[in-house]
Amino acid sequence: MSSLVLSNFILFTTKSQLVGTFAQYNHNSRGIFTEFTFLAITQVQWINHNVNNTTFFLQTTINSKIKTKLSQRE
């Protein structure tokens, strides 16, 4: 049990760093396409690791960022 918790914590920490790095990259590049690509990749990875709640949270967060950017461009 503790090893599962530890592996999930490491996974979450790694993904959090990846999300932070990506968010900075995306802010610098002002891209929308990269967000869709990143969403697809992370969604598959998260589901493979059976962390569905986090997948949903990440998807919702990125989708809202995309909607904000699209509305700003109109």
PDB file of N, CA and C in Angstrom:
ATOM      1  N   MET A   1       0.830  -1.196   0.000  1.00  0.00           N
ATOM      2  CA  MET A   1       0.000   0.000   0.000  1.00  0.00           C
ATOM      3  C   MET A   1       0.870   1.255   0.000  1.00  0.00           C
ATOM      4  N   SER A   2       1.877   1.290   0.883  1.00  0.00           N
ATOM      5  CA  SER A   2       2.712   2.480   0.961  1.00  0.00           C
ATOM      6  C   SER A   2       3.505   2.684  -0.324  1.00  0.00           C
ATOM      7  N   SER A   3       3.865   1.578  -0.985  1.00  0.00           N
ATOM      8  CA  SER A   3       4.626   1.717  -2.230  1.00  0.00           C
ATOM      9  C   SER A   3       3.744   2.314  -3.328  1.00  0.00           C
ATOM     10  N   LEU A   4       2.448   1.994  -3.313  1.00  0.00           N
ATOM     11  CA  LEU A   4       1.521   2.569  -4.282  1.00  0.00           C
ATOM     12  C   LEU A   4       1.370   4.068  -4.033  1.00  0.00           C
ATOM     13  N   VAL A   5       1.229   4.440  -2.779  1.00  0.00           N
ATOM     14  CA  VAL A   5       1.115   5.861  -2.424  1.00  0.00           C
ATOM     15  C   VAL A   5       2.374   6.613  -2.849  1.00  0.00           C
ATOM     16  N   LEU A   6       3.522   6.015  -2.573  1.00  0.00           N
ATOM     17  CA  LEU A   6       4.786   6.647  -2.932  1.00  0.00           C
ATOM     18  C   LEU A   6       4.908   6.804  -4.440  1.00  0.00           C
ATOM     19  N   SER A   7       4.559   5.761  -5.194  1.00  0.00           N
ATOM     20  CA  SER A   7       4.678   5.848  -6.648  1.00  0.00           C
ATOM     21  C   SER A   7       3.717   6.894  -7.206  1.00  0.00           C
ATOM     22  N   ASN A   8       2.520   6.982  -6.630  1.00  0.00           N
ATOM     23  CA  ASN A   8       1.567   8.002  -7.082  1.00  0.00           C
ATOM     24  C   ASN A   8       2.058   9.403  -6.743  1.00  0.00           C
ATOM     25  N   PHE A   9       2.699   9.546  -5.577  1.00  0.00           N
ATOM     26  CA  PHE A   9       3.238  10.843  -5.188  1.00  0.00           C
ATOM     27  C   PHE A   9       4.351  11.263  -6.146  1.00  0.00           C
ATOM     28  N   ILE A  10       5.245  10.321  -6.466  1.00  0.00           N
ATOM     29  CA  ILE A  10       6.342  10.614  -7.405  1.00  0.00           C
ATOM     30  C   ILE A  10       5.772  10.969  -8.768  1.00  0.00           C
ATOM     31  N   LEU A  11       4.780  10.206  -9.206  1.00  0.00           N
ATOM     32  CA  LEU A  11       4.136  10.474 -10.490  1.00  0.00           C
ATOM     33  C   LEU A  11       3.515  11.861 -10.491  1.00  0.00           C
ATOM     34  N   PHE A  12       2.785  12.186  -9.413  1.00  0.00           N
ATOM     35  CA  PHE A  12       2.138  13.491  -9.326  1.00  0.00           C
ATOM     36  C   PHE A  12       3.165  14.614  -9.326  1.00  0.00           C
ATOM     37  N   THR A  13       4.247  14.431  -8.578  1.00  0.00           N
ATOM     38  CA  THR A  13       5.298  15.453  -8.508  1.00  0.00           C
ATOM     39  C   THR A  13       5.921  15.668  -9.880  1.00  0.00           C
ATOM     40  N   THR A  14       6.229  14.570 -10.557  1.00  0.00           N
ATOM     41  CA  THR A  14       6.823  14.661 -11.890  1.00  0.00           C
ATOM     42  C   THR A  14       5.872  15.354 -12.851  1.00  0.00           C
ATOM     43  N   LYS A  15       4.604  14.969 -12.819  1.00  0.00           N
ATOM     44  CA  LYS A  15       3.623  15.577 -13.715  1.00  0.00           C
ATOM     45  C   LYS A  15       3.431  17.052 -13.386  1.00  0.00           C
ATOM     46  N   SER A  16       3.459  17.385 -12.102  1.00  0.00           N
ATOM     47  CA  SER A  16       3.299  18.789 -11.721  1.00  0.00           C
ATOM     48  C   SER A  16       4.436  19.636 -12.284  1.00  0.00           C
ATOM     49  N   GLN A  17       5.644  19.100 -12.217  1.00  0.00           N
ATOM     50  CA  GLN A  17       6.793  19.816 -12.773  1.00  0.00           C
ATOM     51  C   GLN A  17       6.641  19.949 -14.288  1.00  0.00           C
ATOM     52  N   LEU A  18       6.159  18.880 -14.918  1.00  0.00           N
ATOM     53  CA  LEU A  18       5.960  18.898 -16.368  1.00  0.00           C
ATOM     54  C   LEU A  18       4.903  19.925 -16.755  1.00  0.00           C
ATOM     55  N   VAL A  19       3.814  19.941 -15.995  1.00  0.00           N
ATOM     56  CA  VAL A  19       2.741  20.909 -16.262  1.00  0.00           C
ATOM     57  C   VAL A  19       3.255  22.333 -16.084  1.00  0.00           C
ATOM     58  N   GLY A  20       4.032  22.560 -15.012  1.00  0.00           N
ATOM     59  CA  GLY A  20       4.586  23.892 -14.777  1.00  0.00           C
ATOM     60  C   GLY A  20       5.518  24.325 -15.884  1.00  0.00           C
ATOM     61  N   THR A  21       6.371  23.406 -16.321  1.00  0.00           N
ATOM     62  CA  THR A  21       7.299  23.704 -17.415  1.00  0.00           C
ATOM     63  C   THR A  21       6.541  24.000 -18.691  1.00  0.00           C
ATOM     64  N   PHE A  22       5.529  23.180 -18.966  1.00  0.00           N
ATOM     65  CA  PHE A  22       4.736  23.388 -20.171  1.00  0.00           C
ATOM     66  C   PHE A  22       3.989  24.711 -20.136  1.00  0.00           C
ATOM     67  N   ALA A  23       3.421  25.031 -18.980  1.00  0.00           N
ATOM     68  CA  ALA A  23       2.669  26.282 -18.855  1.00  0.00           C
ATOM     69  C   ALA A  23       3.569  27.478 -19.151  1.00  0.00           C
ATOM     70  N   GLN A  24       4.802  27.421 -18.666  1.00  0.00           N
ATOM     71  CA  GLN A  24       5.754  28.503 -18.928  1.00  0.00           C
ATOM     72  C   GLN A  24       6.087  28.569 -20.414  1.00  0.00           C
ATOM     73  N   TYR A  25       6.322  27.402 -21.023  1.00  0.00           N
ATOM     74  CA  TYR A  25       6.625  27.348 -22.452  1.00  0.00           C
ATOM     75  C   TYR A  25       5.468  27.914 -23.252  1.00  0.00           C
ATOM     76  N   ASN A  26       4.261  27.495 -22.901  1.00  0.00           N
ATOM     77  CA  ASN A  26       3.096  27.924 -23.656  1.00  0.00           C
ATOM     78  C   ASN A  26       2.860  29.422 -23.503  1.00  0.00           C
ATOM     79  N   HIS A  27       3.130  29.945 -22.324  1.00  0.00           N
ATOM     80  CA  HIS A  27       2.991  31.384 -22.094  1.00  0.00           C
ATOM     81  C   HIS A  27       3.986  32.141 -22.977  1.00  0.00           C
ATOM     82  N   ASN A  28       5.194  31.610 -23.099  1.00  0.00           N
ATOM     83  CA  ASN A  28       6.215  32.271 -23.909  1.00  0.00           C
ATOM     84  C   ASN A  28       5.902  32.174 -25.397  1.00  0.00           C
ATOM     85  N   SER A  29       5.340  31.033 -25.825  1.00  0.00           N
ATOM     86  CA  SER A  29       5.120  30.836 -27.259  1.00  0.00           C
ATOM     87  C   SER A  29       3.763  31.357 -27.716  1.00  0.00           C
ATOM     88  N   ARG A  30       2.871  31.645 -26.754  1.00  0.00           N
ATOM     89  CA  ARG A  30       1.517  32.112 -27.050  1.00  0.00           C
ATOM     90  C   ARG A  30       0.774  31.143 -27.969  1.00  0.00           C
ATOM     91  N   GLY A  31       1.014  29.846 -27.786  1.00  0.00           N
ATOM     92  CA  GLY A  31       0.408  28.854 -28.675  1.00  0.00           C
ATOM     93  C   GLY A  31      -0.850  28.237 -28.106  1.00  0.00           C
ATOM     94  N   ILE A  32      -1.740  27.837 -28.997  1.00  0.00           N
ATOM     95  CA  ILE A  32      -2.929  27.087 -28.592  1.00  0.00           C
ATOM     96  C   ILE A  32      -2.782  25.630 -29.028  1.00  0.00           C
ATOM     97  N   PHE A  33      -2.230  25.403 -30.201  1.00  0.00           N
ATOM     98  CA  PHE A  33      -2.090  24.042 -30.718  1.00  0.00           C
ATOM     99  C   PHE A  33      -1.299  23.163 -29.763  1.00  0.00           C
ATOM    100  N   THR A  34      -0.252  23.714 -29.170  1.00  0.00           N
ATOM    101  CA  THR A  34       0.575  22.927 -28.254  1.00  0.00           C
ATOM    102  C   THR A  34      -0.226  22.480 -27.031  1.00  0.00           C
ATOM    103  N   GLU A  35      -1.216  23.273 -26.629  1.00  0.00           N
ATOM    104  CA  GLU A  35      -2.033  22.877 -25.478  1.00  0.00           C
ATOM    105  C   GLU A  35      -2.872  21.654 -25.807  1.00  0.00           C
ATOM    106  N   PHE A  36      -3.443  21.603 -27.019  1.00  0.00           N
ATOM    107  CA  PHE A  36      -4.231  20.438 -27.413  1.00  0.00           C
ATOM    108  C   PHE A  36      -3.351  19.193 -27.470  1.00  0.00           C
ATOM    109  N   THR A  37      -2.159  19.332 -28.023  1.00  0.00           N
ATOM    110  CA  THR A  37      -1.235  18.201 -28.123  1.00  0.00           C
ATOM    111  C   THR A  37      -0.848  17.717 -26.738  1.00  0.00           C
ATOM    112  N   PHE A  38      -0.511  18.648 -25.865  1.00  0.00           N
ATOM    113  CA  PHE A  38      -0.116  18.305 -24.506  1.00  0.00           C
ATOM    114  C   PHE A  38      -1.265  17.628 -23.764  1.00  0.00           C
ATOM    115  N   LEU A  39      -2.472  18.129 -23.960  1.00  0.00           N
ATOM    116  CA  LEU A  39      -3.646  17.551 -23.306  1.00  0.00           C
ATOM    117  C   LEU A  39      -3.817  16.095 -23.721  1.00  0.00           C
ATOM    118  N   ALA A  40      -3.687  15.819 -25.002  1.00  0.00           N
ATOM    119  CA  ALA A  40      -3.858  14.448 -25.496  1.00  0.00           C
ATOM    120  C   ALA A  40      -2.809  13.517 -24.903  1.00  0.00           C
ATOM    121  N   ILE A  41      -1.563  13.964 -24.872  1.00  0.00           N
ATOM    122  CA  ILE A  41      -0.474  13.128 -24.348  1.00  0.00           C
ATOM    123  C   ILE A  41      -0.657  12.868 -22.857  1.00  0.00           C
ATOM    124  N   THR A  42      -0.903  13.911 -22.083  1.00  0.00           N
ATOM    125  CA  THR A  42      -1.004  13.738 -20.630  1.00  0.00           C
ATOM    126  C   THR A  42      -2.240  12.938 -20.263  1.00  0.00           C
ATOM    127  N   GLN A  43      -3.318  13.102 -21.013  1.00  0.00           N
ATOM    128  CA  GLN A  43      -4.538  12.361 -20.690  1.00  0.00           C
ATOM    129  C   GLN A  43      -4.284  10.861 -20.799  1.00  0.00           C
ATOM    130  N   VAL A  44      -3.602  10.437 -21.845  1.00  0.00           N
ATOM    131  CA  VAL A  44      -3.282   9.025 -22.015  1.00  0.00           C
ATOM    132  C   VAL A  44      -2.358   8.551 -20.901  1.00  0.00           C
ATOM    133  N   GLN A  45      -1.333   9.332 -20.582  1.00  0.00           N
ATOM    134  CA  GLN A  45      -0.390   8.938 -19.542  1.00  0.00           C
ATOM    135  C   GLN A  45      -1.069   8.838 -18.177  1.00  0.00           C
ATOM    136  N   TRP A  46      -1.922   9.801 -17.854  1.00  0.00           N
ATOM    137  CA  TRP A  46      -2.575   9.779 -16.555  1.00  0.00           C
ATOM    138  C   TRP A  46      -3.500   8.573 -16.440  1.00  0.00           C
ATOM    139  N   ILE A  47      -4.273   8.290 -17.480  1.00  0.00           N
ATOM    140  CA  ILE A  47      -5.203   7.165 -17.428  1.00  0.00           C
ATOM    141  C   ILE A  47      -4.422   5.855 -17.326  1.00  0.00           C
ATOM    142  N   ASN A  48      -3.307   5.754 -18.031  1.00  0.00           N
ATOM    143  CA  ASN A  48      -2.478   4.557 -17.932  1.00  0.00           C
ATOM    144  C   ASN A  48      -2.008   4.320 -16.508  1.00  0.00           C
ATOM    145  N   HIS A  49      -1.820   5.392 -15.755  1.00  0.00           N
ATOM    146  CA  HIS A  49      -1.388   5.262 -14.368  1.00  0.00           C
ATOM    147  C   HIS A  49      -2.580   5.217 -13.410  1.00  0.00           C
ATOM    148  N   ASN A  50      -3.788   5.183 -13.987  1.00  0.00           N
ATOM    149  CA  ASN A  50      -5.003   5.020 -13.193  1.00  0.00           C
ATOM    150  C   ASN A  50      -5.179   6.132 -12.155  1.00  0.00           C
ATOM    151  N   VAL A  51      -4.963   7.352 -12.581  1.00  0.00           N
ATOM    152  CA  VAL A  51      -5.195   8.502 -11.700  1.00  0.00           C
ATOM    153  C   VAL A  51      -6.244   9.363 -12.397  1.00  0.00           C
ATOM    154  N   ASN A  52      -7.444   8.826 -12.486  1.00  0.00           N
ATOM    155  CA  ASN A  52      -8.485   9.440 -13.318  1.00  0.00           C
ATOM    156  C   ASN A  52      -8.942  10.807 -12.801  1.00  0.00           C
ATOM    157  N   ASN A  53      -8.980  10.989 -11.498  1.00  0.00           N
ATOM    158  CA  ASN A  53      -9.405  12.286 -10.969  1.00  0.00           C
ATOM    159  C   ASN A  53      -8.439  13.393 -11.372  1.00  0.00           C
ATOM    160  N   THR A  54      -7.155  13.072 -11.355  1.00  0.00           N
ATOM    161  CA  THR A  54      -6.157  14.062 -11.738  1.00  0.00           C
ATOM    162  C   THR A  54      -6.231  14.329 -13.235  1.00  0.00           C
ATOM    163  N   THR A  55      -6.506  13.290 -14.017  1.00  0.00           N
ATOM    164  CA  THR A  55      -6.673  13.469 -15.462  1.00  0.00           C
ATOM    165  C   THR A  55      -7.801  14.455 -15.727  1.00  0.00           C
ATOM    166  N   PHE A  56      -8.911  14.258 -15.043  1.00  0.00           N
ATOM    167  CA  PHE A  56     -10.062  15.130 -15.239  1.00  0.00           C
ATOM    168  C   PHE A  56      -9.731  16.563 -14.835  1.00  0.00           C
ATOM    169  N   PHE A  57      -9.021  16.703 -13.706  1.00  0.00           N
ATOM    170  CA  PHE A  57      -8.635  18.039 -13.238  1.00  0.00           C
ATOM    171  C   PHE A  57      -7.733  18.729 -14.258  1.00  0.00           C
ATOM    172  N   LEU A  58      -6.732  17.977 -14.758  1.00  0.00           N
ATOM    173  CA  LEU A  58      -5.803  18.547 -15.724  1.00  0.00           C
ATOM    174  C   LEU A  58      -6.536  18.923 -17.008  1.00  0.00           C
ATOM    175  N   GLN A  59      -7.421  18.051 -17.475  1.00  0.00           N
ATOM    176  CA  GLN A  59      -8.174  18.318 -18.699  1.00  0.00           C
ATOM    177  C   GLN A  59      -9.044  19.559 -18.528  1.00  0.00           C
ATOM    178  N   THR A  60      -9.723  19.658 -17.408  1.00  0.00           N
ATOM    179  CA  THR A  60     -10.592  20.808 -17.154  1.00  0.00           C
ATOM    180  C   THR A  60      -9.789  22.105 -17.101  1.00  0.00           C
ATOM    181  N   THR A  61      -8.649  22.053 -16.434  1.00  0.00           N
ATOM    182  CA  THR A  61      -7.799  23.242 -16.313  1.00  0.00           C
ATOM    183  C   THR A  61      -7.315  23.706 -17.675  1.00  0.00           C
ATOM    184  N   ILE A  62      -6.800  22.788 -18.478  1.00  0.00           N
ATOM    185  CA  ILE A  62      -6.262  23.159 -19.783  1.00  0.00           C
ATOM    186  C   ILE A  62      -7.381  23.600 -20.719  1.00  0.00           C
ATOM    187  N   ASN A  63      -8.525  22.920 -20.674  1.00  0.00           N
ATOM    188  CA  ASN A  63      -9.653  23.326 -21.516  1.00  0.00           C
ATOM    189  C   ASN A  63     -10.097  24.748 -21.194  1.00  0.00           C
ATOM    190  N   SER A  64     -10.112  25.107 -19.922  1.00  0.00           N
ATOM    191  CA  SER A  64     -10.525  26.462 -19.556  1.00  0.00           C
ATOM    192  C   SER A  64      -9.503  27.483 -20.042  1.00  0.00           C
ATOM    193  N   LYS A  65      -8.210  27.109 -20.011  1.00  0.00           N
ATOM    194  CA  LYS A  65      -7.174  28.011 -20.522  1.00  0.00           C
ATOM    195  C   LYS A  65      -7.348  28.218 -22.023  1.00  0.00           C
ATOM    196  N   ILE A  66      -7.683  27.145 -22.728  1.00  0.00           N
ATOM    197  CA  ILE A  66      -7.885  27.239 -24.178  1.00  0.00           C
ATOM    198  C   ILE A  66      -9.069  28.150 -24.483  1.00  0.00           C
ATOM    199  N   LYS A  67     -10.176  27.963 -23.756  1.00  0.00           N
ATOM    200  CA  LYS A  67     -11.363  28.791 -23.981  1.00  0.00           C
ATOM    201  C   LYS A  67     -11.053  30.258 -23.726  1.00  0.00           C
ATOM    202  N   THR A  68     -10.282  30.526 -22.676  1.00  0.00           N
ATOM    203  CA  THR A  68      -9.906  31.908 -22.370  1.00  0.00           C
ATOM    204  C   THR A  68      -9.110  32.512 -23.516  1.00  0.00           C
ATOM    205  N   LYS A  69      -8.130  31.754 -24.035  1.00  0.00           N
ATOM    206  CA  LYS A  69      -7.302  32.264 -25.124  1.00  0.00           C
ATOM    207  C   LYS A  69      -8.124  32.481 -26.388  1.00  0.00           C
ATOM    208  N   LEU A  70      -9.031  31.553 -26.673  1.00  0.00           N
ATOM    209  CA  LEU A  70      -9.859  31.696 -27.868  1.00  0.00           C
ATOM    210  C   LEU A  70     -10.739  32.929 -27.756  1.00  0.00           C
ATOM    211  N   SER A  71     -11.320  33.165 -26.578  1.00  0.00           N
ATOM    212  CA  SER A  71     -12.189  34.329 -26.412  1.00  0.00           C
ATOM    213  C   SER A  71     -11.390  35.628 -26.485  1.00  0.00           C
ATOM    214  N   GLN A  72     -10.131  35.596 -26.064  1.00  0.00           N
ATOM    215  CA  GLN A  72      -9.301  36.793 -26.131  1.00  0.00           C
ATOM    216  C   GLN A  72      -8.938  37.138 -27.570  1.00  0.00           C
ATOM    217  N   ARG A  73      -8.915  36.125 -28.438  1.00  0.00           N
ATOM    218  CA  ARG A  73      -8.529  36.368 -29.835  1.00  0.00           C
ATOM    219  C   ARG A  73      -9.672  36.910 -30.671  1.00  0.00           C
ATOM    220  N   GLU A  74     -10.909  36.745 -30.188  1.00  0.00           N
ATOM    221  CA  GLU A  74     -12.070  37.203 -30.975  1.00  0.00           C
ATOM    222  C   GLU A  74     -12.223  38.711 -30.922  1.00  0.00           C
TER     223      GLU A  74
END
